[in-house]
Each structure stands twice: as structure tokens, then as C-alpha cells.
Amino acid sequence: MLMSADDVRFTEKKVDESWKERVAQDSSPQADKPKAPEANPAKPSPQTSQKFIQFMTSIAIQVLIQLGDIENPMTQTKELNIDAARDLIDILIMLKEKTRGNLTAEEIKAFKAILADLQLKFVEASNQTAPKETGQS
């Protein structure tokens, strides 16, 4: 089988060696000079903060629907789903943990208020649905 010059399998490879020069420059003594401090990370705008709080509130509303405090807009009835409510509260707790150190004071305050209210309502709903133990044996 004869190979032609246009055969794709035998194309000339070009290697970019310029990366070696950049590494050498970065490791030179000149690279040890202190650099100008970088700008602080951008703080969230008030609009971003409000949207985040609205997001938390929308999850909180879903919890209230699952706890039967708010009528389900799809079925037009109040329904109790303890497991779904627990999962949504756990999502809010996870979100709080994952965003720790990145929240504004307003967002922290909203998280505390929302979680405290939802956890209290969850305990109340759980106690109402738990089988009542009688003192008789």
C-alpha cells in the first residue's frame, strides 16, 4: 500500500515550546517580588442579596406547603408530607453551611429566622402526627 503526502495519518506535528519560557520566567528571582494586592472579591450587590433571600423564602414556602400550613396551589388542599418537609429543611441547612463566610449580615439574619421558624413548625407537625402513647400496658 502506497502512502501519499496527503495521508492524514502522517501529518507533521507542531509542538508549542513557549510554555517552557513562561515557566522559566515565573520561577526566576524576579517572580519572588511581592505583587500588588489583588482587589477584594466583589461583594454581592443588594439585588443579588435580595434574590438570594427570595430563593431561601421560596424553599421555605415549599416547606410550609409540605407541612400543611399553606394550601398546595396544584391540588387546592392542605397536605402533610413530613419527609418532604424534612428534606427541604435539610437543603436549607446544607445551603447555609455551603455559603458560610460568603453571606451578608442580612442573609445570615434571614437564614436564622427562616430556619428557626421552619424547624419549630416541623417539630409541631411531627408531634401531631406521631402516634400517641397511652400510659397503659
Protein backbone atom coordinates (compact mmCIF):
# COMPACT_ATOMS: atom_id res chain seq x y z
CA MET A 1 0.00 0.00 0.00
CA LEU A 2 1.49 3.33 -1.03
CA MET A 3 1.21 6.33 1.27
CA SER A 4 0.58 9.71 -0.28
CA ALA A 5 1.82 13.02 1.07
CA ASP A 6 -1.78 13.96 1.79
CA ASP A 7 -2.31 10.95 4.07
CA VAL A 8 -3.84 12.21 7.31
CA ARG A 9 -2.06 9.61 9.42
CA PHE A 10 1.31 11.10 8.60
CA THR A 11 0.78 14.79 9.25
CA GLU A 12 3.58 16.88 10.65
CA LYS A 13 3.20 17.59 14.37
CA LYS A 14 3.85 21.05 15.72
CA VAL A 15 4.71 21.42 19.39
CA ASP A 16 4.33 24.68 21.25
CA GLU A 17 7.51 25.03 23.30
CA SER A 18 6.76 28.57 24.51
CA TRP A 19 5.31 27.25 27.76
CA LYS A 20 8.84 26.36 28.90
CA GLU A 21 9.88 30.00 28.63
CA ARG A 22 6.89 31.14 30.68
CA VAL A 23 7.71 28.61 33.41
CA ALA A 24 11.34 29.74 33.48
CA GLN A 25 10.25 33.37 33.80
CA ASP A 26 7.81 32.56 36.59
CA SER A 27 10.44 30.68 38.58
CA SER A 28 13.10 33.38 38.16
CA PRO A 29 14.05 35.58 41.15
CA GLN A 30 12.00 38.33 39.61
CA ALA A 31 8.88 36.29 40.32
CA ASP A 32 9.64 36.44 44.06
CA LYS A 33 8.85 40.14 44.20
CA PRO A 34 5.65 40.86 46.08
CA LYS A 35 2.79 41.58 43.79
CA ALA A 36 0.25 44.30 44.29
CA PRO A 37 -2.58 43.08 46.49
CA GLU A 38 -5.48 41.82 44.50
CA ALA A 39 -8.76 43.56 44.81
CA ASN A 40 -11.14 42.10 47.35
CA PRO A 41 -13.65 39.73 45.86
CA ALA A 42 -16.74 41.53 44.70
CA LYS A 43 -19.32 41.90 47.41
CA PRO A 44 -22.81 40.89 46.41
CA SER A 45 -24.97 43.73 45.24
CA PRO A 46 -28.17 44.49 47.13
CA GLN A 47 -30.09 42.99 44.21
CA THR A 48 -28.11 39.75 44.45
CA SER A 49 -28.67 39.61 48.19
CA GLN A 50 -32.40 40.16 47.73
CA LYS A 51 -32.58 37.43 45.08
CA PHE A 52 -30.78 35.02 47.40
CA ILE A 53 -33.21 35.79 50.21
CA GLN A 54 -36.12 35.31 47.79
CA PHE A 55 -34.63 31.94 46.84
CA MET A 56 -34.47 30.90 50.51
CA THR A 57 -38.02 32.13 51.01
CA SER A 58 -39.28 30.11 48.04
CA ILE A 59 -37.83 26.95 49.60
CA ALA A 60 -39.38 27.94 52.94
CA ILE A 61 -42.78 28.27 51.26
CA GLN A 62 -42.37 24.77 49.85
CA VAL A 63 -41.69 23.52 53.39
CA LEU A 64 -44.84 25.24 54.65
CA ILE A 65 -46.84 23.60 51.85
CA GLN A 66 -45.42 20.19 52.81
CA LEU A 67 -46.27 20.83 56.47
CA GLY A 68 -49.86 21.69 55.55
CA ASP A 69 -49.62 25.30 56.72
CA ILE A 70 -50.23 26.60 53.20
CA GLU A 71 -52.65 25.21 50.64
CA ASN A 72 -50.96 23.33 47.82
CA PRO A 73 -51.55 25.52 44.73
CA MET A 74 -51.76 22.46 42.47
CA THR A 75 -54.33 20.47 44.44
CA GLN A 76 -56.01 23.38 46.27
CA THR A 77 -55.78 21.35 49.50
CA LYS A 78 -53.63 21.35 52.60
CA GLU A 79 -51.44 18.26 52.66
CA LEU A 80 -48.93 16.93 55.16
CA ASN A 81 -45.72 15.33 53.91
CA ILE A 82 -43.24 15.22 56.80
CA ASP A 83 -40.49 13.52 54.78
CA ALA A 84 -40.56 16.14 52.01
CA ALA A 85 -40.57 18.93 54.60
CA ARG A 86 -37.56 17.37 56.35
CA ASP A 87 -35.69 17.08 53.04
CA LEU A 88 -36.33 20.73 52.17
CA ILE A 89 -35.22 21.90 55.62
CA ASP A 90 -32.07 19.79 55.22
CA ILE A 91 -31.45 21.51 51.87
CA LEU A 92 -31.68 24.91 53.55
CA ILE A 93 -29.26 23.79 56.28
CA MET A 94 -26.85 22.46 53.65
CA LEU A 95 -27.12 25.73 51.72
CA LYS A 96 -26.33 27.67 54.90
CA GLU A 97 -23.24 25.51 55.54
CA LYS A 98 -22.01 25.74 51.94
CA THR A 99 -22.36 29.52 51.85
CA ARG A 100 -20.76 30.14 55.26
CA GLY A 101 -18.38 33.08 55.07
CA ASN A 102 -19.99 34.36 51.87
CA LEU A 103 -23.22 35.73 53.29
CA THR A 104 -24.14 39.30 54.10
CA ALA A 105 -25.42 40.17 57.56
CA GLU A 106 -28.93 40.44 56.12
CA GLU A 107 -28.69 36.96 54.57
CA ILE A 108 -27.42 35.44 57.83
CA LYS A 109 -30.29 37.06 59.73
CA ALA A 110 -32.80 35.76 57.17
CA PHE A 111 -31.33 32.24 57.32
CA LYS A 112 -31.55 32.16 61.12
CA ALA A 113 -35.13 33.41 61.18
CA ILE A 114 -36.34 31.14 58.38
CA LEU A 115 -34.67 28.01 59.76
CA ALA A 116 -35.81 28.64 63.34
CA ASP A 117 -39.41 29.12 62.23
CA LEU A 118 -39.43 26.10 59.92
CA GLN A 119 -37.76 23.79 62.45
CA LEU A 120 -40.29 24.79 65.11
CA LYS A 121 -43.21 24.18 62.74
CA PHE A 122 -41.66 20.86 61.70
CA VAL A 123 -41.41 19.66 65.31
CA GLU A 124 -45.00 20.71 65.96
CA ALA A 125 -46.24 18.88 62.85
CA SER A 126 -44.16 15.80 63.71
CA ASN A 127 -45.60 15.69 67.22
CA GLN A 128 -49.16 15.93 65.89
CA THR A 129 -48.66 13.01 63.51
CA ALA A 130 -46.70 10.80 65.92
CA PRO A 131 -48.76 8.00 67.44
CA LYS A 132 -49.86 8.94 70.93
CA GLU A 133 -48.60 6.55 73.58
CA THR A 134 -51.02 5.64 76.29
CA GLY A 135 -49.80 5.02 79.79
CA GLN A 136 -51.46 1.59 79.84
CA SER A 137 -49.60 -1.67 79.32
